[in-house]
N, C-alpha and C. Protein backbone atom coordinates (compact mmCIF):
# COMPACT_ATOMS: atom_id res chain seq x y z
N MET A 1 12.60 -0.34 7.14
CA MET A 1 13.43 -1.70 7.51
C MET A 1 12.14 -2.73 6.93
N ARG A 2 12.69 -3.95 6.28
CA ARG A 2 12.01 -4.58 6.08
C ARG A 2 11.72 -5.55 6.97
N LEU A 3 10.75 -6.46 6.71
CA LEU A 3 9.80 -7.40 7.84
C LEU A 3 10.15 -8.35 7.00
N SER A 4 9.92 -9.30 8.20
CA SER A 4 9.69 -10.54 7.69
C SER A 4 8.47 -10.94 7.06
N ASN A 5 7.77 -11.87 6.53
CA ASN A 5 6.25 -11.79 6.30
C ASN A 5 5.72 -12.50 7.65
N SER A 6 6.24 -13.16 8.48
CA SER A 6 5.45 -13.80 9.42
C SER A 6 5.73 -12.70 10.54
N GLU A 7 6.39 -11.50 10.76
CA GLU A 7 6.27 -10.63 11.53
C GLU A 7 5.02 -9.23 11.06
N HIS A 8 5.00 -9.34 9.97
CA HIS A 8 3.43 -8.64 9.56
C HIS A 8 2.16 -9.59 9.84
N GLU A 9 2.63 -10.84 9.55
CA GLU A 9 1.05 -11.45 9.81
C GLU A 9 1.23 -12.17 10.79
N SER A 10 1.37 -11.95 12.20
CA SER A 10 1.44 -12.17 13.24
C SER A 10 0.23 -11.82 13.98
N GLU A 11 0.12 -10.23 13.22
CA GLU A 11 -1.36 -9.80 13.71
C GLU A 11 -2.53 -9.99 13.28
N ALA A 12 -3.66 -10.13 13.80
CA ALA A 12 -4.95 -10.59 13.29
C ALA A 12 -5.51 -9.64 12.30
N TRP A 13 -4.91 -9.41 10.94
CA TRP A 13 -5.01 -8.04 10.22
C TRP A 13 -6.59 -8.83 9.64
N ARG A 14 -7.46 -8.07 9.24
CA ARG A 14 -8.86 -7.79 8.55
C ARG A 14 -8.55 -8.67 7.20
N ILE A 15 -7.60 -8.01 6.49
CA ILE A 15 -7.22 -7.83 5.18
C ILE A 15 -7.01 -10.03 5.01
N ARG A 16 -6.47 -10.80 5.96
CA ARG A 16 -6.62 -11.85 5.39
C ARG A 16 -7.85 -12.65 5.23
N GLY A 17 -8.79 -12.20 5.79
CA GLY A 17 -9.91 -12.53 5.70
C GLY A 17 -10.59 -12.33 4.31
N VAL A 18 -10.57 -11.03 3.98
CA VAL A 18 -11.19 -10.55 2.71
C VAL A 18 -9.98 -11.09 1.37
N ALA A 19 -8.52 -11.24 1.65
CA ALA A 19 -7.47 -11.64 0.50
C ALA A 19 -7.02 -12.62 1.19
N PRO A 20 -7.62 -14.09 1.51
CA PRO A 20 -6.78 -15.18 2.01
C PRO A 20 -5.99 -15.79 0.71
N ASP A 21 -6.72 -15.19 -0.45
CA ASP A 21 -5.89 -16.20 -2.01
C ASP A 21 -4.94 -15.11 -2.50
N PHE A 22 -4.53 -14.02 -1.65
CA PHE A 22 -3.17 -13.31 -2.05
C PHE A 22 -2.22 -13.77 -0.96
N ARG A 23 -0.96 -13.54 -1.96
CA ARG A 23 -0.10 -13.74 -0.98
C ARG A 23 0.91 -12.35 -0.58
N LEU A 24 1.57 -12.54 0.43
CA LEU A 24 2.14 -11.27 0.95
C LEU A 24 3.36 -11.26 0.50
N GLU A 25 3.39 -10.08 -0.60
CA GLU A 25 4.83 -10.25 -1.43
C GLU A 25 5.99 -9.35 -0.63
N ASP A 26 5.82 -8.03 -0.35
CA ASP A 26 6.43 -7.55 1.07
C ASP A 26 5.92 -6.88 2.21
N ALA A 27 6.70 -6.94 3.15
CA ALA A 27 6.49 -5.94 4.37
C ALA A 27 7.28 -5.39 4.76
N TRP A 28 7.04 -4.09 5.22
CA TRP A 28 8.08 -2.86 6.10
C TRP A 28 7.68 -2.65 7.45
N ALA A 29 8.33 -2.19 7.84
CA ALA A 29 8.08 -0.84 8.84
C ALA A 29 8.47 0.32 8.44
N LEU A 30 7.47 1.13 9.16
CA LEU A 30 7.64 2.43 8.34
C LEU A 30 8.19 3.59 9.39
N PRO A 31 8.78 4.71 9.07
CA PRO A 31 9.67 5.45 9.68
C PRO A 31 8.88 6.57 10.24
N ALA A 32 7.64 5.85 10.99
CA ALA A 32 6.06 6.73 11.44
C ALA A 32 6.04 6.22 12.95
N GLU A 33 6.50 6.72 13.60
CA GLU A 33 5.77 6.52 15.19
C GLU A 33 5.10 7.20 15.91
N GLY A 34 4.17 7.13 16.80
CA GLY A 34 3.13 8.14 17.70
C GLY A 34 2.54 7.46 18.28
N GLY A 35 1.30 8.07 18.87
CA GLY A 35 -0.03 7.33 20.11
C GLY A 35 -0.87 6.66 19.35
N ALA A 36 -1.45 5.88 19.69
CA ALA A 36 -2.67 5.39 19.29
C ALA A 36 -3.74 6.22 18.25
N GLU A 37 -3.74 7.53 18.66
CA GLU A 37 -4.55 8.16 17.82
C GLU A 37 -4.02 9.09 16.64
N ASP A 38 -2.81 8.62 16.62
CA ASP A 38 -1.87 9.31 15.12
C ASP A 38 -2.11 8.34 13.60
N PHE A 39 -2.74 7.03 13.44
CA PHE A 39 -3.47 6.50 12.61
C PHE A 39 -3.80 7.45 11.08
N ALA A 40 -4.61 8.28 11.78
CA ALA A 40 -5.18 8.91 10.91
C ALA A 40 -3.95 10.26 10.01
N ALA A 41 -3.05 10.15 11.11
CA ALA A 41 -1.78 11.39 10.42
C ALA A 41 -1.02 10.50 9.70
N LEU A 42 -1.11 8.79 9.98
CA LEU A 42 0.15 8.35 9.06
C LEU A 42 -0.72 7.90 7.23
N LEU A 43 -2.04 8.25 7.51
CA LEU A 43 -2.79 7.78 6.53
C LEU A 43 -2.71 9.07 5.61
N GLU A 44 -2.89 10.53 6.23
CA GLU A 44 -2.85 11.46 5.35
C GLU A 44 -1.23 11.88 5.18
N VAL A 45 -0.45 11.78 5.34
CA VAL A 45 0.96 11.78 5.26
C VAL A 45 1.27 10.68 3.92
N MET A 46 0.74 9.10 3.86
CA MET A 46 0.46 8.56 2.86
C MET A 46 0.14 9.21 1.40
N ALA A 47 -0.96 9.64 1.93
CA ALA A 47 -1.90 9.97 0.68
C ALA A 47 -1.11 11.66 -0.01
N SER A 48 -0.39 11.92 0.72
CA SER A 48 0.23 13.19 0.25
C SER A 48 1.38 12.69 -0.42
N LEU A 49 1.92 11.77 -0.60
CA LEU A 49 3.10 11.32 -1.22
C LEU A 49 2.76 10.88 -2.64
N ASP A 50 3.75 11.42 -3.53
CA ASP A 50 3.56 11.09 -4.83
C ASP A 50 4.73 10.36 -5.36
N PRO A 51 4.81 9.20 -5.95
CA PRO A 51 6.16 8.53 -6.05
C PRO A 51 6.93 8.83 -7.19
N THR A 52 6.02 9.45 -8.29
CA THR A 52 6.42 10.03 -9.69
C THR A 52 7.14 11.26 -9.77
N ARG A 53 7.10 11.79 -8.18
CA ARG A 53 7.72 12.84 -8.16
C ARG A 53 8.71 12.68 -6.68
N ALA A 54 9.34 11.53 -6.30
CA ALA A 54 9.99 11.22 -5.16
C ALA A 54 10.89 12.08 -5.58
N GLY A 55 12.07 12.49 -4.23
CA GLY A 55 12.76 12.71 -3.95
C GLY A 55 14.36 12.42 -5.01
N SER A 56 14.13 10.79 -5.20
CA SER A 56 15.18 9.99 -5.46
C SER A 56 14.99 10.42 -7.55
N ARG A 57 16.03 10.64 -7.94
CA ARG A 57 16.14 10.75 -9.25
C ARG A 57 15.85 9.16 -9.99
N VAL A 58 16.35 8.31 -9.38
CA VAL A 58 16.22 7.25 -10.18
C VAL A 58 14.99 6.17 -9.79
N SER A 59 14.51 6.54 -8.78
CA SER A 59 13.12 5.95 -8.58
C SER A 59 11.81 6.65 -9.10
N ARG A 60 12.31 8.07 -9.63
CA ARG A 60 11.41 8.79 -10.72
C ARG A 60 11.44 8.20 -11.96
N ALA A 61 12.55 7.87 -12.10
CA ALA A 61 12.89 7.36 -13.27
C ALA A 61 12.28 6.10 -13.71
N LEU A 62 12.32 5.09 -12.64
CA LEU A 62 11.95 3.87 -12.66
C LEU A 62 10.26 3.93 -12.79
N PHE A 63 9.69 4.62 -12.46
CA PHE A 63 7.80 5.20 -12.55
C PHE A 63 7.73 5.48 -13.90
N GLY A 64 8.40 6.32 -14.25
CA GLY A 64 8.62 6.89 -15.68
C GLY A 64 8.20 5.76 -16.56
N ILE A 65 9.64 4.47 -16.58
CA ILE A 65 9.75 3.99 -17.30
C ILE A 65 8.49 2.59 -17.18
N ARG A 66 8.17 2.16 -16.19
CA ARG A 66 6.99 1.48 -16.03
C ARG A 66 5.51 2.21 -16.30
N TYR A 67 5.21 3.39 -16.54
CA TYR A 67 4.08 3.66 -16.73
C TYR A 67 4.46 3.91 -18.20
N ARG A 68 5.68 4.18 -18.81
CA ARG A 68 5.95 4.01 -20.40
C ARG A 68 5.63 2.78 -21.43
N VAL A 69 6.34 1.71 -20.25
CA VAL A 69 6.03 0.51 -20.96
C VAL A 69 4.72 0.09 -20.83
N GLY A 70 4.09 0.56 -19.39
CA GLY A 70 2.39 -0.21 -19.43
C GLY A 70 1.55 0.71 -20.59
N GLU A 71 2.18 1.56 -20.84
CA GLU A 71 1.17 2.24 -21.70
C GLU A 71 1.39 1.84 -23.34
N TRP A 72 2.73 1.33 -23.66
CA TRP A 72 2.57 0.85 -24.92
C TRP A 72 2.46 -0.66 -25.03
N LEU A 73 2.46 -1.13 -23.65
CA LEU A 73 1.78 -2.85 -23.45
C LEU A 73 0.34 -2.93 -23.52
N GLY A 74 -0.32 -1.94 -22.69
CA GLY A 74 -1.56 -1.92 -22.66
C GLY A 74 -2.06 -2.81 -21.19
N TRP A 75 -0.87 -2.53 -20.38
CA TRP A 75 -1.01 -3.30 -18.91
C TRP A 75 -2.16 -2.35 -18.26
N ASP A 76 -2.02 -0.94 -17.95
CA ASP A 76 -2.94 -0.55 -17.51
C ASP A 76 -4.31 0.00 -17.66
N GLU A 77 -4.03 0.24 -19.21
CA GLU A 77 -5.59 0.85 -20.03
C GLU A 77 -6.59 -0.50 -20.00
N VAL A 78 -7.33 -0.61 -18.99
CA VAL A 78 -8.42 -1.74 -19.17
C VAL A 78 -9.84 -1.35 -19.20
N PRO A 79 -10.64 -1.50 -20.29
CA PRO A 79 -11.84 -0.93 -20.63
C PRO A 79 -12.57 -1.60 -19.79
N ASP A 80 -13.05 -2.63 -19.32
CA ASP A 80 -13.23 -3.38 -18.49
C ASP A 80 -12.64 -4.04 -17.51
N PRO A 81 -13.26 -4.09 -16.04
CA PRO A 81 -12.60 -4.28 -14.95
C PRO A 81 -12.13 -5.85 -15.52
N LEU A 82 -11.02 -6.46 -15.03
CA LEU A 82 -10.48 -7.56 -14.78
C LEU A 82 -11.04 -8.49 -13.81
N ALA A 83 -11.40 -9.77 -13.58
CA ALA A 83 -11.89 -10.23 -12.60
C ALA A 83 -10.48 -10.71 -11.77
N ILE A 84 -10.16 -10.72 -10.74
CA ILE A 84 -9.31 -11.06 -9.69
C ILE A 84 -9.34 -12.54 -10.30
N PRO A 85 -7.87 -12.50 -10.41
CA PRO A 85 -7.40 -14.33 -10.91
C PRO A 85 -7.70 -15.66 -10.52
N HIS A 86 -8.52 -16.13 -10.96
CA HIS A 86 -9.16 -17.32 -10.35
C HIS A 86 -10.39 -17.14 -9.75
N ASP A 87 -11.16 -16.40 -9.71
CA ASP A 87 -12.20 -15.77 -9.30
C ASP A 87 -12.85 -15.08 -10.19
N SER A 88 -14.08 -15.05 -10.01
CA SER A 88 -15.56 -14.24 -10.90
C SER A 88 -15.87 -12.50 -10.55
N ASP A 89 -15.47 -12.42 -9.06
CA ASP A 89 -15.45 -11.49 -8.48
C ASP A 89 -14.12 -10.12 -9.39
N THR A 90 -14.48 -8.86 -9.84
CA THR A 90 -13.63 -7.95 -10.03
C THR A 90 -13.06 -6.92 -9.27
N THR A 91 -13.33 -6.82 -7.88
CA THR A 91 -12.98 -6.26 -6.81
C THR A 91 -12.93 -7.27 -5.59
N LEU A 92 -12.26 -6.77 -4.74
CA LEU A 92 -11.78 -7.14 -3.46
C LEU A 92 -13.46 -6.38 -2.25
N SER A 93 -13.78 -5.91 -2.85
CA SER A 93 -14.85 -4.59 -2.28
C SER A 93 -16.34 -5.94 -1.98
N ALA A 94 -16.20 -6.41 -2.95
CA ALA A 94 -17.27 -7.37 -2.99
C ALA A 94 -17.34 -8.60 -2.09
N ARG A 95 -16.05 -8.98 -1.43
CA ARG A 95 -15.68 -9.61 -0.20
C ARG A 95 -16.10 -9.03 1.12
N LEU A 96 -15.93 -7.63 1.14
CA LEU A 96 -16.37 -7.40 2.32
C LEU A 96 -17.00 -7.69 3.16
N PRO A 97 -16.71 -7.75 4.76
CA PRO A 97 -17.90 -8.25 5.27
C PRO A 97 -18.89 -6.64 5.70
N ALA A 98 -20.14 -6.92 6.47
CA ALA A 98 -20.96 -5.62 6.19
C ALA A 98 -20.25 -4.60 7.13
N ASP A 99 -19.43 -4.87 8.08
CA ASP A 99 -19.07 -3.83 9.00
C ASP A 99 -17.93 -3.04 8.47
N LEU A 100 -17.20 -3.82 7.33
CA LEU A 100 -16.07 -2.78 6.62
C LEU A 100 -16.61 -2.14 5.34
N ARG A 101 -17.99 -2.57 5.01
CA ARG A 101 -18.32 -1.95 3.74
C ARG A 101 -18.32 -0.25 3.78
N ASN A 102 -17.43 0.64 2.59
CA ASN A 102 -17.83 1.82 2.66
C ASN A 102 -16.92 2.63 4.21
N SER A 103 -16.35 2.02 4.82
CA SER A 103 -15.65 2.30 5.81
C SER A 103 -14.68 3.38 5.33
N ALA A 104 -14.13 3.06 3.97
CA ALA A 104 -12.56 3.97 3.74
C ALA A 104 -13.02 5.18 2.57
N ALA A 105 -14.41 5.26 2.68
CA ALA A 105 -14.88 6.72 1.75
C ALA A 105 -14.33 8.05 1.91
N GLY A 106 -13.88 8.57 1.52
CA GLY A 106 -13.32 9.86 1.35
C GLY A 106 -11.91 10.06 1.53
N PHE A 107 -11.21 8.69 1.46
CA PHE A 107 -9.46 8.67 1.74
C PHE A 107 -9.21 8.26 0.92
N GLU A 108 -8.24 8.72 -0.38
CA GLU A 108 -7.52 8.00 -1.11
C GLU A 108 -6.03 8.36 -1.46
N LEU A 109 -5.49 7.44 -1.86
CA LEU A 109 -3.89 7.91 -1.68
C LEU A 109 -3.67 8.79 -3.05
N HIS A 110 -2.59 9.47 -3.37
CA HIS A 110 -2.24 10.54 -4.42
C HIS A 110 -2.14 9.36 -6.15
N ALA A 111 -1.70 8.34 -5.70
CA ALA A 111 -2.04 7.45 -6.70
C ALA A 111 -3.17 6.93 -7.14
N LYS A 112 -3.86 7.51 -7.98
CA LYS A 112 -5.09 7.29 -8.40
C LYS A 112 -5.54 5.75 -8.78
N ASP A 113 -4.87 4.85 -9.27
CA ASP A 113 -5.50 3.84 -9.63
C ASP A 113 -5.18 2.67 -8.53
N PHE A 114 -5.24 3.21 -7.09
CA PHE A 114 -5.54 2.20 -5.87
C PHE A 114 -6.73 3.09 -5.45
N LYS A 115 -7.51 1.98 -5.49
CA LYS A 115 -8.67 1.93 -5.08
C LYS A 115 -9.10 1.88 -3.44
N PRO A 116 -9.59 2.40 -2.58
CA PRO A 116 -9.64 2.16 -1.24
C PRO A 116 -10.93 1.11 -1.10
N LEU A 117 -10.16 0.22 0.20
CA LEU A 117 -10.96 -1.16 0.28
C LEU A 117 -11.80 -0.79 1.51
N TYR A 118 -10.88 -0.17 2.55
CA TYR A 118 -11.76 -0.37 3.94
C TYR A 118 -10.56 0.29 4.85
N ARG A 119 -11.23 1.07 5.97
CA ARG A 119 -10.22 1.32 7.13
C ARG A 119 -11.23 0.74 8.35
N THR A 120 -9.96 0.39 9.24
CA THR A 120 -10.37 0.25 10.73
C THR A 120 -9.89 1.64 11.46
N ARG A 121 -9.70 1.30 13.00
CA ARG A 121 -8.96 1.86 13.80
C ARG A 121 -7.54 2.21 13.33
N ASP A 122 -6.86 0.73 13.11
CA ASP A 122 -5.51 0.54 12.91
C ASP A 122 -5.35 -0.41 11.64
N GLU A 123 -6.03 -0.33 10.55
CA GLU A 123 -5.65 -0.70 9.03
C GLU A 123 -6.39 -0.29 7.92
N TRP A 124 -5.49 -0.12 7.02
CA TRP A 124 -6.30 0.68 5.87
C TRP A 124 -5.90 -0.20 4.59
N ALA A 125 -6.91 -0.36 3.85
CA ALA A 125 -6.62 -1.24 2.81
C ALA A 125 -6.86 -0.73 1.20
N ALA A 126 -6.10 -0.81 0.20
CA ALA A 126 -6.64 -0.19 -1.47
C ALA A 126 -6.27 -1.34 -2.12
N GLU A 127 -6.61 -1.85 -3.26
CA GLU A 127 -6.22 -2.61 -4.31
C GLU A 127 -6.12 -1.87 -5.72
N ILE A 128 -5.38 -2.70 -6.26
CA ILE A 128 -5.13 -2.02 -7.77
C ILE A 128 -4.96 -3.32 -8.73
N SER A 129 -5.53 -3.22 -9.60
CA SER A 129 -5.54 -4.33 -10.78
C SER A 129 -5.49 -3.82 -12.10
N ASN A 130 -4.03 -4.59 -12.54
CA ASN A 130 -4.10 -4.44 -14.33
C ASN A 130 -3.49 -5.54 -15.19
N ARG A 131 -3.26 -5.85 -16.07
CA ARG A 131 -3.14 -6.70 -16.83
C ARG A 131 -1.96 -7.61 -16.35
N THR A 132 -1.20 -7.24 -15.50
CA THR A 132 0.21 -8.07 -14.61
C THR A 132 -0.47 -8.64 -13.25
N VAL A 133 -1.36 -8.00 -12.48
CA VAL A 133 -1.47 -8.59 -11.23
C VAL A 133 -2.73 -7.65 -10.77
N HIS A 134 -3.36 -8.49 -9.74
CA HIS A 134 -4.46 -7.97 -8.52
C HIS A 134 -3.34 -7.35 -7.41
N ALA A 135 -3.26 -6.71 -6.79
CA ALA A 135 -2.61 -6.24 -5.29
C ALA A 135 -3.42 -5.49 -4.69
N VAL A 136 -2.77 -5.67 -3.62
CA VAL A 136 -3.43 -4.63 -2.21
C VAL A 136 -2.34 -4.25 -1.68
N MET A 137 -2.30 -2.67 -1.00
CA MET A 137 -1.74 -1.99 0.06
C MET A 137 -2.43 -1.82 1.14
N HIS A 138 -1.71 -2.72 2.28
CA HIS A 138 -2.02 -2.64 3.49
C HIS A 138 -1.20 -1.58 4.49
N LEU A 139 -1.91 -1.24 5.11
CA LEU A 139 -1.25 0.15 5.93
C LEU A 139 -1.85 -0.57 7.29
N ALA A 140 -1.04 -0.27 8.31
CA ALA A 140 -1.25 -0.92 9.85
C ALA A 140 -0.87 0.03 10.69
N TRP A 141 -1.26 0.25 11.60
CA TRP A 141 -0.57 1.11 13.13
C TRP A 141 -0.43 0.08 14.47
N VAL A 142 0.81 -0.24 14.41
CA VAL A 142 0.87 -1.63 15.50
C VAL A 142 1.66 -1.13 16.68
N GLU A 143 0.97 -1.81 17.61
CA GLU A 143 1.26 -1.24 19.52
C GLU A 143 2.79 -1.96 19.36
N GLN A 144 3.82 -1.10 19.83
CA GLN A 144 4.87 -1.61 20.16
C GLN A 144 5.06 -1.69 21.66
N SER A 145 6.16 -2.12 22.33
CA SER A 145 6.48 -2.55 23.58
C SER A 145 6.05 -1.94 24.69
N ASP A 146 6.77 -0.57 24.23
CA ASP A 146 6.69 0.72 25.28
C ASP A 146 5.70 1.67 24.89
N GLY A 147 4.22 0.83 24.48
CA GLY A 147 2.96 1.75 24.16
C GLY A 147 2.90 2.69 23.50
N ARG A 148 4.11 2.98 22.33
CA ARG A 148 3.69 3.51 21.36
C ARG A 148 3.92 2.61 20.23
N TYR A 149 3.34 3.58 19.09
CA TYR A 149 2.64 2.89 17.93
C TYR A 149 3.41 3.31 16.55
N ARG A 150 3.62 2.17 15.42
CA ARG A 150 4.54 2.52 14.48
C ARG A 150 3.88 1.95 13.25
N GLY A 151 3.93 2.27 12.16
CA GLY A 151 3.64 2.11 10.78
C GLY A 151 3.97 0.62 10.30
N GLN A 152 3.17 0.22 9.52
CA GLN A 152 3.71 -0.88 8.67
C GLN A 152 2.78 -1.05 7.83
N MET A 153 3.58 -1.39 6.22
CA MET A 153 2.73 -1.84 5.21
C MET A 153 3.15 -3.37 4.84
N GLY A 154 2.08 -4.04 4.37
CA GLY A 154 2.25 -5.13 3.14
C GLY A 154 1.64 -4.98 2.11
N VAL A 155 2.08 -5.51 1.11
CA VAL A 155 1.88 -5.63 -0.34
C VAL A 155 1.68 -6.80 -0.30
N TYR A 156 0.01 -7.02 -0.77
CA TYR A 156 -0.32 -8.28 -1.07
C TYR A 156 -0.63 -8.53 -2.69
N VAL A 157 -0.08 -9.59 -3.09
CA VAL A 157 -0.32 -9.65 -4.72
C VAL A 157 -0.89 -11.21 -5.17
N LYS A 158 -1.98 -10.88 -6.44
CA LYS A 158 -2.17 -12.22 -6.87
C LYS A 158 -1.94 -11.86 -8.31
N PRO A 159 -0.49 -12.65 -8.78
CA PRO A 159 -0.04 -12.45 -10.26
C PRO A 159 -1.25 -13.21 -11.23
N ARG A 160 -1.39 -12.34 -12.52
CA ARG A 160 -2.15 -12.92 -13.63
C ARG A 160 -1.38 -13.61 -14.52
N GLY A 161 -1.08 -15.27 -14.25
CA GLY A 161 -0.35 -16.35 -15.13
C GLY A 161 1.00 -15.52 -14.99
N ARG A 162 1.46 -16.45 -16.04
CA ARG A 162 2.85 -16.26 -16.07
C ARG A 162 3.30 -14.90 -16.38
N LEU A 163 2.32 -13.97 -17.05
CA LEU A 163 2.99 -12.64 -17.06
C LEU A 163 3.27 -12.10 -15.83
N GLY A 164 2.48 -12.29 -15.17
CA GLY A 164 2.12 -11.60 -13.81
C GLY A 164 3.53 -11.87 -12.82
N GLU A 165 3.32 -13.59 -12.86
CA GLU A 165 4.74 -13.96 -12.07
C GLU A 165 6.22 -13.63 -12.60
N MET A 166 6.42 -13.32 -14.10
CA MET A 166 7.72 -12.95 -14.30
C MET A 166 7.65 -11.21 -14.13
N TYR A 167 6.61 -10.73 -14.08
CA TYR A 167 6.59 -9.46 -13.90
C TYR A 167 7.03 -8.80 -12.90
N MET A 168 6.45 -9.54 -11.48
CA MET A 168 6.77 -9.50 -10.01
C MET A 168 8.27 -10.09 -10.29
N ALA A 169 8.75 -11.02 -10.38
CA ALA A 169 10.50 -11.38 -10.80
C ALA A 169 11.32 -10.16 -11.07
N ALA A 170 10.89 -9.75 -12.07
CA ALA A 170 11.78 -8.90 -12.52
C ALA A 170 12.14 -7.22 -11.96
N ILE A 171 10.91 -7.25 -11.17
CA ILE A 171 10.76 -5.70 -10.64
C ILE A 171 11.28 -6.06 -9.01
N ALA A 172 11.65 -7.05 -8.75
CA ALA A 172 11.67 -7.29 -7.30
C ALA A 172 13.08 -6.59 -6.68
N PRO A 173 14.09 -6.38 -7.43
CA PRO A 173 15.42 -6.09 -7.21
C PRO A 173 15.22 -4.89 -6.90
N PHE A 174 14.53 -3.88 -8.26
CA PHE A 174 14.17 -2.15 -7.98
C PHE A 174 13.45 -2.30 -7.07
N ARG A 175 12.34 -2.92 -6.63
CA ARG A 175 11.33 -2.62 -5.60
C ARG A 175 12.41 -2.28 -4.04
N HIS A 176 13.14 -3.31 -3.71
CA HIS A 176 13.58 -3.75 -2.44
C HIS A 176 14.95 -2.94 -2.47
N LEU A 177 15.61 -2.19 -3.82
CA LEU A 177 16.95 -1.77 -3.54
C LEU A 177 16.62 -0.05 -3.96
N ILE A 178 15.65 -0.02 -4.19
CA ILE A 178 15.56 1.66 -5.27
C ILE A 178 14.32 2.25 -4.88
N VAL A 179 13.35 1.72 -5.08
CA VAL A 179 11.69 2.03 -4.98
C VAL A 179 11.15 2.00 -3.27
N TYR A 180 11.35 1.24 -2.71
CA TYR A 180 10.79 1.37 -1.06
C TYR A 180 11.80 2.16 -0.55
N PRO A 181 12.94 2.17 -0.49
CA PRO A 181 14.05 2.48 0.65
C PRO A 181 13.56 4.27 0.26
N ALA A 182 13.63 4.66 -1.48
CA ALA A 182 13.20 5.88 -1.60
C ALA A 182 11.66 6.46 -0.92
N LEU A 183 10.59 5.87 -1.26
CA LEU A 183 9.30 5.67 -0.12
C LEU A 183 9.62 6.02 1.11
N MET A 184 10.66 5.41 1.75
CA MET A 184 10.82 4.99 3.22
C MET A 184 11.46 6.37 3.82
N ARG A 185 12.47 7.10 2.84
CA ARG A 185 12.67 8.58 3.02
C ARG A 185 11.84 9.44 2.71
N GLU A 186 11.05 9.77 1.90
CA GLU A 186 9.83 10.24 1.62
C GLU A 186 9.04 10.49 2.38
N LEU A 187 8.40 9.30 3.23
CA LEU A 187 7.71 9.59 4.24
C LEU A 187 8.45 9.70 5.20
N GLU A 188 9.81 9.31 5.76
CA GLU A 188 10.08 9.81 6.73
C GLU A 188 10.09 11.22 7.37
N ARG A 189 10.74 11.83 5.73
CA ARG A 189 10.99 13.54 6.21
C ARG A 189 9.33 14.28 6.02
N ALA A 190 8.32 13.68 5.35
CA ALA A 190 6.87 14.23 5.53
C ALA A 190 6.33 13.76 6.99
N TRP A 191 6.56 12.97 7.77
CA TRP A 191 6.54 12.42 9.04
C TRP A 191 7.08 13.31 10.20
N ARG A 192 8.04 13.88 9.89
CA ARG A 192 9.01 14.74 10.56
C ARG A 192 8.67 16.00 10.74
N ALA A 193 8.21 16.33 9.41
CA ALA A 193 7.53 17.95 9.07
C ALA A 193 5.96 17.95 9.73
N ARG A 194 5.08 16.54 9.66
CA ARG A 194 3.82 16.47 10.11
C ARG A 194 4.22 16.72 11.84
N VAL A 195 5.12 16.00 12.32
CA VAL A 195 5.37 15.85 14.04
C VAL A 195 5.88 16.95 14.49
N ALA A 196 6.46 17.91 13.61
CA ALA A 196 6.33 19.38 14.25
C ALA A 196 5.81 20.46 14.15
N GLN A 197 4.69 20.20 13.48
CA GLN A 197 3.71 20.94 13.44
C GLN A 197 2.92 20.99 14.90
N PRO A 198 2.60 22.25 15.27
CA PRO A 198 1.66 22.21 16.92
C PRO A 198 0.53 21.66 16.59
N ARG A 199 0.22 20.72 17.72
CA ARG A 199 -1.27 20.50 17.07
C ARG A 199 -1.89 21.44 17.56
N PRO A 200 -3.41 21.36 17.28
CA PRO A 200 -4.67 22.46 17.53
C PRO A 200 -4.69 22.67 19.07
N ASP A 201 -5.04 21.69 19.92
CA ASP A 201 -5.19 21.81 21.13
C ASP A 201 -3.83 22.37 22.04
N SER A 202 -2.76 22.48 21.57
CA SER A 202 -1.39 23.37 21.87
C SER A 202 -0.99 24.73 21.65
N VAL A 203 -1.97 25.05 20.53
CA VAL A 203 -1.87 26.57 20.33
C VAL A 203 -2.61 27.45 20.85
């Protein structure tokens, strides 16, 4: 389920202090619910997903096209790290306060283009940089009114000039109608399978 930007930003997420100049492009409620201690399980499930091998043929095809076009146009093969648009830093890790540095070590997504930034008890963030955008995937574990927790995902972006803006506008319908819904279905199946597994203390 898509969320309004205001709903995702209503929490005091640390990402706002790290990337205040990035805009929240998309926000989604994730089909993953559990207890306060289950955020690590959500991260493990997200790390296991491979969008290039998703169950949706259309989504797989779109990723294949994107990577092929990126290869042709040199969007992704960047010999030297690119500076964040309108900044001299090449990575958001340079902005991290001391308590967040090295907090995400040892955990990565299947998509190696994303580089982990930080992790807290209820947040995790990773960045990606290419010739179109510098972006952040932000995962959060949000307490609900019934004491349960639900996953949320926010995607923050900073386009690289006119090309980046045109790129984001062009892929918006595909993200909202195909890519993200396919990701949610994959996540829901993986989460249900995870929840169905017996906990170590119950065996």
